[in-house]
Amino acid sequence: MIKIPTPSLRTVAIVIGVLLLIGGAWYAVATLTGGKAAQVKGKLDSAVAGAAVSNAADAVTVVQERAASETNLNIKVTNAQSAVRAASDGAGADAAGRAGLCSISASFCAAS
């Protein structure tokens, strides 16, 4: 049977001290570098998320406004078409068509 030498108390204390120094140094380096990087990354991620939410809200608002504008335009065009169809003669249809176009945009209201 092989006899394993028992380390002295001094050797054990030195090994534990060296391990504690290495662990402490590693912790200090991780705290000084990794902690700051994680904090900066967290702030950056938070800012990016906030910007994404803001942009999404803006996009939804634009889409809603565009849909309302399209609906309003469709109503005006339908009303103008109805007025043209209801006219009794060509002059009435022309006047109804011009009035309908004028209700859509002022650029169609040119005097002729």
PDB file of N, CA and C in Angstrom:
ATOM      1  N   MET A   1       0.830  -1.159   0.000  1.00  0.00           N
ATOM      2  CA  MET A   1       0.000   0.000   0.000  1.00  0.00           C
ATOM      3  C   MET A   1       0.887   1.237   0.000  1.00  0.00           C
ATOM      4  N   ILE A   2       0.458   2.211  -0.806  1.00  0.00           N
ATOM      5  CA  ILE A   2       1.251   3.423  -0.935  1.00  0.00           C
ATOM      6  C   ILE A   2       0.815   4.392   0.143  1.00  0.00           C
ATOM      7  N   LYS A   3       1.802   4.952   0.780  1.00  0.00           N
ATOM      8  CA  LYS A   3       1.507   5.914   1.833  1.00  0.00           C
ATOM      9  C   LYS A   3       1.546   7.313   1.225  1.00  0.00           C
ATOM     10  N   ILE A   4       0.417   8.048   1.341  1.00  0.00           N
ATOM     11  CA  ILE A   4       0.314   9.401   0.814  1.00  0.00           C
ATOM     12  C   ILE A   4       0.761  10.345   1.908  1.00  0.00           C
ATOM     13  N   PRO A   5       1.712  11.222   1.560  1.00  0.00           N
ATOM     14  CA  PRO A   5       2.189  12.139   2.594  1.00  0.00           C
ATOM     15  C   PRO A   5       1.106  13.168   2.950  1.00  0.00           C
ATOM     16  N   THR A   6       0.977  13.460   4.193  1.00  0.00           N
ATOM     17  CA  THR A   6       0.013  14.441   4.669  1.00  0.00           C
ATOM     18  C   THR A   6       0.660  15.809   4.598  1.00  0.00           C
ATOM     19  N   PRO A   7      -0.016  16.770   3.934  1.00  0.00           N
ATOM     20  CA  PRO A   7       0.579  18.095   3.842  1.00  0.00           C
ATOM     21  C   PRO A   7       0.560  18.791   5.202  1.00  0.00           C
ATOM     22  N   SER A   8       1.522  19.625   5.376  1.00  0.00           N
ATOM     23  CA  SER A   8       1.594  20.335   6.650  1.00  0.00           C
ATOM     24  C   SER A   8       0.544  21.438   6.671  1.00  0.00           C
ATOM     25  N   LEU A   9       0.263  21.923   7.830  1.00  0.00           N
ATOM     26  CA  LEU A   9      -0.714  22.989   8.008  1.00  0.00           C
ATOM     27  C   LEU A   9      -0.262  24.253   7.275  1.00  0.00           C
ATOM     28  N   ARG A  10       1.040  24.463   7.257  1.00  0.00           N
ATOM     29  CA  ARG A  10       1.591  25.634   6.570  1.00  0.00           C
ATOM     30  C   ARG A  10       1.338  25.544   5.063  1.00  0.00           C
ATOM     31  N   THR A  11       1.509  24.395   4.471  1.00  0.00           N
ATOM     32  CA  THR A  11       1.293  24.193   3.038  1.00  0.00           C
ATOM     33  C   THR A  11      -0.185  24.411   2.696  1.00  0.00           C
ATOM     34  N   VAL A  12      -1.065  23.883   3.512  1.00  0.00           N
ATOM     35  CA  VAL A  12      -2.505  24.054   3.292  1.00  0.00           C
ATOM     36  C   VAL A  12      -2.870  25.538   3.376  1.00  0.00           C
ATOM     37  N   ALA A  13      -2.320  26.242   4.335  1.00  0.00           N
ATOM     38  CA  ALA A  13      -2.603  27.660   4.499  1.00  0.00           C
ATOM     39  C   ALA A  13      -2.098  28.452   3.298  1.00  0.00           C
ATOM     40  N   ILE A  14      -0.945  28.104   2.768  1.00  0.00           N
ATOM     41  CA  ILE A  14      -0.400  28.794   1.596  1.00  0.00           C
ATOM     42  C   ILE A  14      -1.283  28.554   0.378  1.00  0.00           C
ATOM     43  N   VAL A  15      -1.709  27.320   0.164  1.00  0.00           N
ATOM     44  CA  VAL A  15      -2.558  26.989  -0.984  1.00  0.00           C
ATOM     45  C   VAL A  15      -3.892  27.728  -0.881  1.00  0.00           C
ATOM     46  N   ILE A  16      -4.483  27.749   0.309  1.00  0.00           N
ATOM     47  CA  ILE A  16      -5.758  28.458   0.500  1.00  0.00           C
ATOM     48  C   ILE A  16      -5.564  29.958   0.277  1.00  0.00           C
ATOM     49  N   GLY A  17      -4.451  30.507   0.775  1.00  0.00           N
ATOM     50  CA  GLY A  17      -4.175  31.928   0.571  1.00  0.00           C
ATOM     51  C   GLY A  17      -4.014  32.275  -0.894  1.00  0.00           C
ATOM     52  N   VAL A  18      -3.284  31.437  -1.632  1.00  0.00           N
ATOM     53  CA  VAL A  18      -3.096  31.676  -3.066  1.00  0.00           C
ATOM     54  C   VAL A  18      -4.435  31.589  -3.796  1.00  0.00           C
ATOM     55  N   LEU A  19      -5.254  30.618  -3.471  1.00  0.00           N
ATOM     56  CA  LEU A  19      -6.569  30.484  -4.096  1.00  0.00           C
ATOM     57  C   LEU A  19      -7.458  31.693  -3.793  1.00  0.00           C
ATOM     58  N   LEU A  20      -7.401  32.184  -2.545  1.00  0.00           N
ATOM     59  CA  LEU A  20      -8.176  33.372  -2.181  1.00  0.00           C
ATOM     60  C   LEU A  20      -7.689  34.602  -2.947  1.00  0.00           C
ATOM     61  N   LEU A  21      -6.370  34.738  -3.094  1.00  0.00           N
ATOM     62  CA  LEU A  21      -5.836  35.862  -3.866  1.00  0.00           C
ATOM     63  C   LEU A  21      -6.263  35.800  -5.332  1.00  0.00           C
ATOM     64  N   ILE A  22      -6.198  34.626  -5.901  1.00  0.00           N
ATOM     65  CA  ILE A  22      -6.616  34.462  -7.299  1.00  0.00           C
ATOM     66  C   ILE A  22      -8.105  34.757  -7.437  1.00  0.00           C
ATOM     67  N   GLY A  23      -8.912  34.239  -6.534  1.00  0.00           N
ATOM     68  CA  GLY A  23     -10.359  34.488  -6.562  1.00  0.00           C
ATOM     69  C   GLY A  23     -10.673  35.962  -6.367  1.00  0.00           C
ATOM     70  N   GLY A  24      -9.973  36.602  -5.448  1.00  0.00           N
ATOM     71  CA  GLY A  24     -10.191  38.027  -5.206  1.00  0.00           C
ATOM     72  C   GLY A  24      -9.813  38.871  -6.412  1.00  0.00           C
ATOM     73  N   ALA A  25      -8.692  38.536  -7.024  1.00  0.00           N
ATOM     74  CA  ALA A  25      -8.262  39.262  -8.217  1.00  0.00           C
ATOM     75  C   ALA A  25      -9.257  39.064  -9.357  1.00  0.00           C
ATOM     76  N   TRP A  26      -9.709  37.842  -9.513  1.00  0.00           N
ATOM     77  CA  TRP A  26     -10.682  37.549 -10.564  1.00  0.00           C
ATOM     78  C   TRP A  26     -11.983  38.315 -10.316  1.00  0.00           C
ATOM     79  N   TYR A  27     -12.448  38.339  -9.072  1.00  0.00           N
ATOM     80  CA  TYR A  27     -13.663  39.065  -8.715  1.00  0.00           C
ATOM     81  C   TYR A  27     -13.493  40.574  -8.971  1.00  0.00           C
ATOM     82  N   ALA A  28     -12.325  41.099  -8.593  1.00  0.00           N
ATOM     83  CA  ALA A  28     -12.081  42.531  -8.782  1.00  0.00           C
ATOM     84  C   ALA A  28     -12.084  42.900 -10.265  1.00  0.00           C
ATOM     85  N   VAL A  29     -11.419  42.109 -11.070  1.00  0.00           N
ATOM     86  CA  VAL A  29     -11.380  42.375 -12.510  1.00  0.00           C
ATOM     87  C   VAL A  29     -12.783  42.254 -13.106  1.00  0.00           C
ATOM     88  N   ALA A  30     -13.528  41.234 -12.701  1.00  0.00           N
ATOM     89  CA  ALA A  30     -14.886  41.052 -13.223  1.00  0.00           C
ATOM     90  C   ALA A  30     -15.786  42.201 -12.796  1.00  0.00           C
ATOM     91  N   THR A  31     -15.630  42.667 -11.588  1.00  0.00           N
ATOM     92  CA  THR A  31     -16.459  43.762 -11.094  1.00  0.00           C
ATOM     93  C   THR A  31     -16.117  45.058 -11.808  1.00  0.00           C
ATOM     94  N   LEU A  32     -14.844  45.325 -11.983  1.00  0.00           N
ATOM     95  CA  LEU A  32     -14.434  46.579 -12.606  1.00  0.00           C
ATOM     96  C   LEU A  32     -14.736  46.632 -14.100  1.00  0.00           C
ATOM     97  N   THR A  33     -14.661  45.512 -14.767  1.00  0.00           N
ATOM     98  CA  THR A  33     -14.890  45.515 -16.217  1.00  0.00           C
ATOM     99  C   THR A  33     -16.267  44.988 -16.583  1.00  0.00           C
ATOM    100  N   GLY A  34     -16.608  43.827 -16.118  1.00  0.00           N
ATOM    101  CA  GLY A  34     -17.885  43.203 -16.486  1.00  0.00           C
ATOM    102  C   GLY A  34     -19.074  43.943 -15.929  1.00  0.00           C
ATOM    103  N   GLY A  35     -18.982  44.447 -14.744  1.00  0.00           N
ATOM    104  CA  GLY A  35     -20.093  45.164 -14.135  1.00  0.00           C
ATOM    105  C   GLY A  35     -20.436  46.414 -14.911  1.00  0.00           C
ATOM    106  N   LYS A  36     -19.434  47.162 -15.289  1.00  0.00           N
ATOM    107  CA  LYS A  36     -19.660  48.387 -16.072  1.00  0.00           C
ATOM    108  C   LYS A  36     -20.242  48.042 -17.433  1.00  0.00           C
ATOM    109  N   ALA A  37     -19.681  47.030 -18.070  1.00  0.00           N
ATOM    110  CA  ALA A  37     -20.165  46.648 -19.395  1.00  0.00           C
ATOM    111  C   ALA A  37     -21.619  46.200 -19.321  1.00  0.00           C
ATOM    112  N   ALA A  38     -21.953  45.429 -18.300  1.00  0.00           N
ATOM    113  CA  ALA A  38     -23.334  44.970 -18.156  1.00  0.00           C
ATOM    114  C   ALA A  38     -24.266  46.144 -17.885  1.00  0.00           C
ATOM    115  N   GLN A  39     -23.808  47.098 -17.089  1.00  0.00           N
ATOM    116  CA  GLN A  39     -24.628  48.265 -16.781  1.00  0.00           C
ATOM    117  C   GLN A  39     -24.864  49.095 -18.043  1.00  0.00           C
ATOM    118  N   VAL A  40     -23.800  49.313 -18.808  1.00  0.00           N
ATOM    119  CA  VAL A  40     -23.926  50.078 -20.052  1.00  0.00           C
ATOM    120  C   VAL A  40     -24.816  49.332 -21.031  1.00  0.00           C
ATOM    121  N   LYS A  41     -24.616  48.022 -21.152  1.00  0.00           N
ATOM    122  CA  LYS A  41     -25.434  47.213 -22.062  1.00  0.00           C
ATOM    123  C   LYS A  41     -26.895  47.253 -21.634  1.00  0.00           C
ATOM    124  N   GLY A  42     -27.141  47.195 -20.337  1.00  0.00           N
ATOM    125  CA  GLY A  42     -28.518  47.270 -19.840  1.00  0.00           C
ATOM    126  C   GLY A  42     -29.169  48.595 -20.181  1.00  0.00           C
ATOM    127  N   LYS A  43     -28.419  49.695 -20.012  1.00  0.00           N
ATOM    128  CA  LYS A  43     -28.963  51.011 -20.356  1.00  0.00           C
ATOM    129  C   LYS A  43     -29.212  51.115 -21.854  1.00  0.00           C
ATOM    130  N   LEU A  44     -28.281  50.584 -22.650  1.00  0.00           N
ATOM    131  CA  LEU A  44     -28.434  50.622 -24.096  1.00  0.00           C
ATOM    132  C   LEU A  44     -29.637  49.792 -24.531  1.00  0.00           C
ATOM    133  N   ASP A  45     -29.773  48.576 -23.981  1.00  0.00           N
ATOM    134  CA  ASP A  45     -30.913  47.734 -24.321  1.00  0.00           C
ATOM    135  C   ASP A  45     -32.221  48.403 -23.941  1.00  0.00           C
ATOM    136  N   SER A  46     -32.233  49.079 -22.809  1.00  0.00           N
ATOM    137  CA  SER A  46     -33.437  49.785 -22.361  1.00  0.00           C
ATOM    138  C   SER A  46     -33.774  50.920 -23.325  1.00  0.00           C
ATOM    139  N   ALA A  47     -32.763  51.653 -23.760  1.00  0.00           N
ATOM    140  CA  ALA A  47     -32.995  52.755 -24.702  1.00  0.00           C
ATOM    141  C   ALA A  47     -33.488  52.224 -26.045  1.00  0.00           C
ATOM    142  N   VAL A  48     -32.906  51.125 -26.506  1.00  0.00           N
ATOM    143  CA  VAL A  48     -33.319  50.543 -27.786  1.00  0.00           C
ATOM    144  C   VAL A  48     -34.763  50.053 -27.694  1.00  0.00           C
ATOM    145  N   ALA A  49     -35.097  49.411 -26.586  1.00  0.00           N
ATOM    146  CA  ALA A  49     -36.471  48.928 -26.406  1.00  0.00           C
ATOM    147  C   ALA A  49     -37.447  50.099 -26.364  1.00  0.00           C
ATOM    148  N   GLY A  50     -37.066  51.171 -25.676  1.00  0.00           N
ATOM    149  CA  GLY A  50     -37.933  52.350 -25.615  1.00  0.00           C
ATOM    150  C   GLY A  50     -38.137  52.965 -26.987  1.00  0.00           C
ATOM    151  N   ALA A  51     -37.070  53.023 -27.766  1.00  0.00           N
ATOM    152  CA  ALA A  51     -37.169  53.579 -29.116  1.00  0.00           C
ATOM    153  C   ALA A  51     -38.044  52.693 -30.003  1.00  0.00           C
ATOM    154  N   ALA A  52     -37.908  51.393 -29.851  1.00  0.00           N
ATOM    155  CA  ALA A  52     -38.719  50.471 -30.654  1.00  0.00           C
ATOM    156  C   ALA A  52     -40.199  50.626 -30.331  1.00  0.00           C
ATOM    157  N   VAL A  53     -40.515  50.743 -29.049  1.00  0.00           N
ATOM    158  CA  VAL A  53     -41.911  50.926 -28.647  1.00  0.00           C
ATOM    159  C   VAL A  53     -42.440  52.255 -29.187  1.00  0.00           C
ATOM    160  N   SER A  54     -41.627  53.295 -29.093  1.00  0.00           N
ATOM    161  CA  SER A  54     -42.034  54.612 -29.593  1.00  0.00           C
ATOM    162  C   SER A  54     -42.264  54.569 -31.102  1.00  0.00           C
ATOM    163  N   ASN A  55     -41.361  53.927 -31.830  1.00  0.00           N
ATOM    164  CA  ASN A  55     -41.510  53.831 -33.285  1.00  0.00           C
ATOM    165  C   ASN A  55     -42.740  53.019 -33.664  1.00  0.00           C
ATOM    166  N   ALA A  56     -43.001  51.956 -32.928  1.00  0.00           N
ATOM    167  CA  ALA A  56     -44.180  51.136 -33.205  1.00  0.00           C
ATOM    168  C   ALA A  56     -45.451  51.941 -32.956  1.00  0.00           C
ATOM    169  N   ALA A  57     -45.465  52.714 -31.880  1.00  0.00           N
ATOM    170  CA  ALA A  57     -46.637  53.549 -31.585  1.00  0.00           C
ATOM    171  C   ALA A  57     -46.840  54.594 -32.678  1.00  0.00           C
ATOM    172  N   ASP A  58     -45.743  55.183 -33.146  1.00  0.00           N
ATOM    173  CA  ASP A  58     -45.836  56.163 -34.233  1.00  0.00           C
ATOM    174  C   ASP A  58     -46.374  55.513 -35.505  1.00  0.00           C
ATOM    175  N   ALA A  59     -45.907  54.308 -35.798  1.00  0.00           N
ATOM    176  CA  ALA A  59     -46.363  53.606 -36.999  1.00  0.00           C
ATOM    177  C   ALA A  59     -47.853  53.295 -36.914  1.00  0.00           C
ATOM    178  N   VAL A  60     -48.305  52.877 -35.746  1.00  0.00           N
ATOM    179  CA  VAL A  60     -49.733  52.593 -35.573  1.00  0.00           C
ATOM    180  C   VAL A  60     -50.550  53.857 -35.774  1.00  0.00           C
ATOM    181  N   THR A  61     -50.068  54.972 -35.231  1.00  0.00           N
ATOM    182  CA  THR A  61     -50.770  56.244 -35.385  1.00  0.00           C
ATOM    183  C   THR A  61     -50.853  56.646 -36.855  1.00  0.00           C
ATOM    184  N   VAL A  62     -49.763  56.505 -37.578  1.00  0.00           N
ATOM    185  CA  VAL A  62     -49.747  56.860 -39.005  1.00  0.00           C
ATOM    186  C   VAL A  62     -50.726  55.978 -39.779  1.00  0.00           C
ATOM    187  N   VAL A  63     -50.726  54.683 -39.490  1.00  0.00           N
ATOM    188  CA  VAL A  63     -51.633  53.769 -40.196  1.00  0.00           C
ATOM    189  C   VAL A  63     -53.086  54.123 -39.895  1.00  0.00           C
ATOM    190  N   GLN A  64     -53.376  54.430 -38.629  1.00  0.00           N
ATOM    191  CA  GLN A  64     -54.754  54.806 -38.269  1.00  0.00           C
ATOM    192  C   GLN A  64     -55.175  56.100 -38.954  1.00  0.00           C
ATOM    193  N   GLU A  65     -54.278  57.079 -38.972  1.00  0.00           N
ATOM    194  CA  GLU A  65     -54.604  58.345 -39.633  1.00  0.00           C
ATOM    195  C   GLU A  65     -54.813  58.137 -41.134  1.00  0.00           C
ATOM    196  N   ARG A  66     -53.978  57.302 -41.727  1.00  0.00           N
ATOM    197  CA  ARG A  66     -54.105  57.037 -43.169  1.00  0.00           C
ATOM    198  C   ARG A  66     -55.415  56.316 -43.469  1.00  0.00           C
ATOM    199  N   ALA A  67     -55.785  55.370 -42.614  1.00  0.00           N
ATOM    200  CA  ALA A  67     -57.042  54.641 -42.817  1.00  0.00           C
ATOM    201  C   ALA A  67     -58.235  55.594 -42.691  1.00  0.00           C
ATOM    202  N   ALA A  68     -58.189  56.502 -41.719  1.00  0.00           N
ATOM    203  CA  ALA A  68     -59.274  57.475 -41.557  1.00  0.00           C
ATOM    204  C   ALA A  68     -59.342  58.402 -42.774  1.00  0.00           C
ATOM    205  N   SER A  69     -58.183  58.801 -43.285  1.00  0.00           N
ATOM    206  CA  SER A  69     -58.140  59.668 -44.463  1.00  0.00           C
ATOM    207  C   SER A  69     -58.720  58.955 -45.680  1.00  0.00           C
ATOM    208  N   GLU A  70     -58.363  57.690 -45.849  1.00  0.00           N
ATOM    209  CA  GLU A  70     -58.880  56.903 -46.975  1.00  0.00           C
ATOM    210  C   GLU A  70     -60.393  56.733 -46.866  1.00  0.00           C
ATOM    211  N   THR A  71     -60.883  56.489 -45.660  1.00  0.00           N
ATOM    212  CA  THR A  71     -62.321  56.339 -45.456  1.00  0.00           C
ATOM    213  C   THR A  71     -63.045  57.637 -45.795  1.00  0.00           C
ATOM    214  N   ASN A  72     -62.492  58.744 -45.329  1.00  0.00           N
ATOM    215  CA  ASN A  72     -63.086  60.051 -45.611  1.00  0.00           C
ATOM    216  C   ASN A  72     -63.091  60.323 -47.122  1.00  0.00           C
ATOM    217  N   LEU A  73     -62.008  60.015 -47.799  1.00  0.00           N
ATOM    218  CA  LEU A  73     -61.927  60.210 -49.251  1.00  0.00           C
ATOM    219  C   LEU A  73     -62.949  59.325 -49.968  1.00  0.00           C
ATOM    220  N   ASN A  74     -63.075  58.072 -49.531  1.00  0.00           N
ATOM    221  CA  ASN A  74     -64.047  57.168 -50.160  1.00  0.00           C
ATOM    222  C   ASN A  74     -65.476  57.699 -50.021  1.00  0.00           C
ATOM    223  N   ILE A  75     -65.789  58.269 -48.865  1.00  0.00           N
ATOM    224  CA  ILE A  75     -67.124  58.843 -48.644  1.00  0.00           C
ATOM    225  C   ILE A  75     -67.355  60.014 -49.591  1.00  0.00           C
ATOM    226  N   LYS A  76     -66.362  60.903 -49.729  1.00  0.00           N
ATOM    227  CA  LYS A  76     -66.501  62.061 -50.620  1.00  0.00           C
ATOM    228  C   LYS A  76     -66.665  61.632 -52.080  1.00  0.00           C
ATOM    229  N   VAL A  77     -65.889  60.626 -52.498  1.00  0.00           N
ATOM    230  CA  VAL A  77     -65.990  60.144 -53.884  1.00  0.00           C
ATOM    231  C   VAL A  77     -67.353  59.511 -54.120  1.00  0.00           C
ATOM    232  N   THR A  78     -67.838  58.715 -53.173  1.00  0.00           N
ATOM    233  CA  THR A  78     -69.150  58.086 -53.309  1.00  0.00           C
ATOM    234  C   THR A  78     -70.245  59.145 -53.395  1.00  0.00           C
ATOM    235  N   ASN A  79     -70.158  60.179 -52.550  1.00  0.00           N
ATOM    236  CA  ASN A  79     -71.143  61.260 -52.593  1.00  0.00           C
ATOM    237  C   ASN A  79     -71.100  61.989 -53.934  1.00  0.00           C
ATOM    238  N   ALA A  80     -69.899  62.243 -54.446  1.00  0.00           N
ATOM    239  CA  ALA A  80     -69.767  62.928 -55.739  1.00  0.00           C
ATOM    240  C   ALA A  80     -70.340  62.064 -56.847  1.00  0.00           C
ATOM    241  N   GLN A  81     -70.079  60.764 -56.826  1.00  0.00           N
ATOM    242  CA  GLN A  81     -70.614  59.858 -57.850  1.00  0.00           C
ATOM    243  C   GLN A  81     -72.143  59.841 -57.804  1.00  0.00           C
ATOM    244  N   SER A  82     -72.678  59.820 -56.588  1.00  0.00           N
ATOM    245  CA  SER A  82     -74.143  59.810 -56.439  1.00  0.00           C
ATOM    246  C   SER A  82     -74.754  61.096 -56.980  1.00  0.00           C
ATOM    247  N   ALA A  83     -74.085  62.219 -56.706  1.00  0.00           N
ATOM    248  CA  ALA A  83     -74.599  63.504 -57.192  1.00  0.00           C
ATOM    249  C   ALA A  83     -74.546  63.570 -58.712  1.00  0.00           C
ATOM    250  N   VAL A  84     -73.495  63.046 -59.326  1.00  0.00           N
ATOM    251  CA  VAL A  84     -73.382  63.039 -60.790  1.00  0.00           C
ATOM    252  C   VAL A  84     -74.471  62.155 -61.379  1.00  0.00           C
ATOM    253  N   ARG A  85     -74.704  60.983 -60.806  1.00  0.00           N
ATOM    254  CA  ARG A  85     -75.724  60.058 -61.325  1.00  0.00           C
ATOM    255  C   ARG A  85     -77.135  60.639 -61.164  1.00  0.00           C
ATOM    256  N   ALA A  86     -77.336  61.429 -60.111  1.00  0.00           N
ATOM    257  CA  ALA A  86     -78.665  61.988 -59.846  1.00  0.00           C
ATOM    258  C   ALA A  86     -78.961  63.233 -60.692  1.00  0.00           C
ATOM    259  N   ALA A  87     -77.958  63.764 -61.356  1.00  0.00           N
ATOM    260  CA  ALA A  87     -78.164  64.982 -62.160  1.00  0.00           C
ATOM    261  C   ALA A  87     -79.103  64.688 -63.322  1.00  0.00           C
ATOM    262  N   SER A  88     -79.901  65.689 -63.679  1.00  0.00           N
ATOM    263  CA  SER A  88     -80.905  65.492 -64.734  1.00  0.00           C
ATOM    264  C   SER A  88     -80.353  65.720 -66.150  1.00  0.00           C
ATOM    265  N   ASP A  89     -79.277  66.459 -66.258  1.00  0.00           N
ATOM    266  CA  ASP A  89     -78.704  66.706 -67.583  1.00  0.00           C
ATOM    267  C   ASP A  89     -77.183  66.800 -67.486  1.00  0.00           C
ATOM    268  N   GLY A  90     -76.529  67.023 -68.619  1.00  0.00           N
ATOM    269  CA  GLY A  90     -75.069  67.079 -68.667  1.00  0.00           C
ATOM    270  C   GLY A  90     -74.486  68.227 -67.868  1.00  0.00           C
ATOM    271  N   ALA A  91     -75.141  69.375 -67.931  1.00  0.00           N
ATOM    272  CA  ALA A  91     -74.629  70.540 -67.189  1.00  0.00           C
ATOM    273  C   ALA A  91     -74.716  70.294 -65.687  1.00  0.00           C
ATOM    274  N   GLY A  92     -75.805  69.674 -65.263  1.00  0.00           N
ATOM    275  CA  GLY A  92     -75.959  69.353 -63.835  1.00  0.00           C
ATOM    276  C   GLY A  92     -74.930  68.323 -63.389  1.00  0.00           C
ATOM    277  N   ALA A  93     -74.675  67.330 -64.250  1.00  0.00           N
ATOM    278  CA  ALA A  93     -73.670  66.307 -63.933  1.00  0.00           C
ATOM    279  C   ALA A  93     -72.280  66.934 -63.855  1.00  0.00           C
ATOM    280  N   ASP A  94     -72.014  67.869 -64.795  1.00  0.00           N
ATOM    281  CA  ASP A  94     -70.723  68.561 -64.782  1.00  0.00           C
ATOM    282  C   ASP A  94     -70.561  69.372 -63.500  1.00  0.00           C
ATOM    283  N   ALA A  95     -71.594  70.099 -63.132  1.00  0.00           N
ATOM    284  CA  ALA A  95     -71.535  70.911 -61.905  1.00  0.00           C
ATOM    285  C   ALA A  95     -71.386  70.027 -60.670  1.00  0.00           C
ATOM    286  N   ALA A  96     -72.112  68.913 -60.644  1.00  0.00           N
ATOM    287  CA  ALA A  96     -72.027  67.997 -59.497  1.00  0.00           C
ATOM    288  C   ALA A  96     -70.626  67.376 -59.416  1.00  0.00           C
ATOM    289  N   GLY A  97     -70.095  67.017 -60.588  1.00  0.00           N
ATOM    290  CA  GLY A  97     -68.745  66.436 -60.609  1.00  0.00           C
ATOM    291  C   GLY A  97     -67.700  67.426 -60.134  1.00  0.00           C
ATOM    292  N   ARG A  98     -67.799  68.670 -60.602  1.00  0.00           N
ATOM    293  CA  ARG A  98     -66.848  69.701 -60.167  1.00  0.00           C
ATOM    294  C   ARG A  98     -66.973  69.980 -58.673  1.00  0.00           C
ATOM    295  N   ALA A  99     -68.207  70.035 -58.178  1.00  0.00           N
ATOM    296  CA  ALA A  99     -68.416  70.269 -56.743  1.00  0.00           C
ATOM    297  C   ALA A  99     -67.850  69.100 -55.923  1.00  0.00           C
ATOM    298  N   GLY A 100     -68.039  67.884 -56.433  1.00  0.00           N
ATOM    299  CA  GLY A 100     -67.498  66.709 -55.738  1.00  0.00           C
ATOM    300  C   GLY A 100     -65.981  66.724 -55.694  1.00  0.00           C
ATOM    301  N   LEU A 101     -65.351  67.070 -56.816  1.00  0.00           N
ATOM    302  CA  LEU A 101     -63.891  67.170 -56.852  1.00  0.00           C
ATOM    303  C   LEU A 101     -63.401  68.286 -55.937  1.00  0.00           C
ATOM    304  N   CYS A 102     -64.124  69.388 -55.905  1.00  0.00           N
ATOM    305  CA  CYS A 102     -63.738  70.513 -55.056  1.00  0.00           C
ATOM    306  C   CYS A 102     -63.806  70.130 -53.577  1.00  0.00           C
ATOM    307  N   SER A 103     -64.762  69.250 -53.228  1.00  0.00           N
ATOM    308  CA  SER A 103     -64.862  68.811 -51.831  1.00  0.00           C
ATOM    309  C   SER A 103     -63.696  67.900 -51.446  1.00  0.00           C
ATOM    310  N   ILE A 104     -63.091  67.273 -52.443  1.00  0.00           N
ATOM    311  CA  ILE A 104     -61.941  66.388 -52.187  1.00  0.00           C
ATOM    312  C   ILE A 104     -60.674  67.185 -52.004  1.00  0.00           C
ATOM    313  N   SER A 105     -60.445  68.168 -52.888  1.00  0.00           N
ATOM    314  CA  SER A 105     -59.215  68.964 -52.801  1.00  0.00           C
ATOM    315  C   SER A 105     -59.461  70.343 -53.387  1.00  0.00           C
ATOM    316  N   ALA A 106     -58.922  71.351 -52.752  1.00  0.00           N
ATOM    317  CA  ALA A 106     -59.075  72.720 -53.224  1.00  0.00           C
ATOM    318  C   ALA A 106     -58.397  72.919 -54.575  1.00  0.00           C
ATOM    319  N   SER A 107     -57.443  72.087 -54.917  1.00  0.00           N
ATOM    320  CA  SER A 107     -56.753  72.241 -56.199  1.00  0.00           C
ATOM    321  C   SER A 107     -57.678  71.939 -57.373  1.00  0.00           C
ATOM    322  N   PHE A 108     -58.806  71.251 -57.126  1.00  0.00           N
ATOM    323  CA  PHE A 108     -59.778  70.974 -58.184  1.00  0.00           C
ATOM    324  C   PHE A 108     -60.794  72.102 -58.325  1.00  0.00           C
ATOM    325  N   CYS A 109     -60.716  73.126 -57.499  1.00  0.00           N
ATOM    326  CA  CYS A 109     -61.725  74.192 -57.482  1.00  0.00           C
ATOM    327  C   CYS A 109     -61.350  75.358 -58.387  1.00  0.00           C
ATOM    328  N   ALA A 110     -60.499  75.136 -59.339  1.00  0.00           N
ATOM    329  CA  ALA A 110     -60.076  76.231 -60.230  1.00  0.00           C
ATOM    330  C   ALA A 110     -61.268  76.727 -61.034  1.00  0.00           C
ATOM    331  N   ALA A 111     -61.359  78.004 -61.122  1.00  0.00           N
ATOM    332  CA  ALA A 111     -62.452  78.610 -61.900  1.00  0.00           C
ATOM    333  C   ALA A 111     -62.177  78.389 -63.378  1.00  0.00           C
ATOM    334  N   SER A 112     -63.204  77.998 -64.127  1.00  0.00           N
ATOM    335  CA  SER A 112     -63.002  77.790 -65.558  1.00  0.00           C
ATOM    336  C   SER A 112     -63.955  78.609 -66.373  1.00  0.00           C
TER     337      SER A 112
END
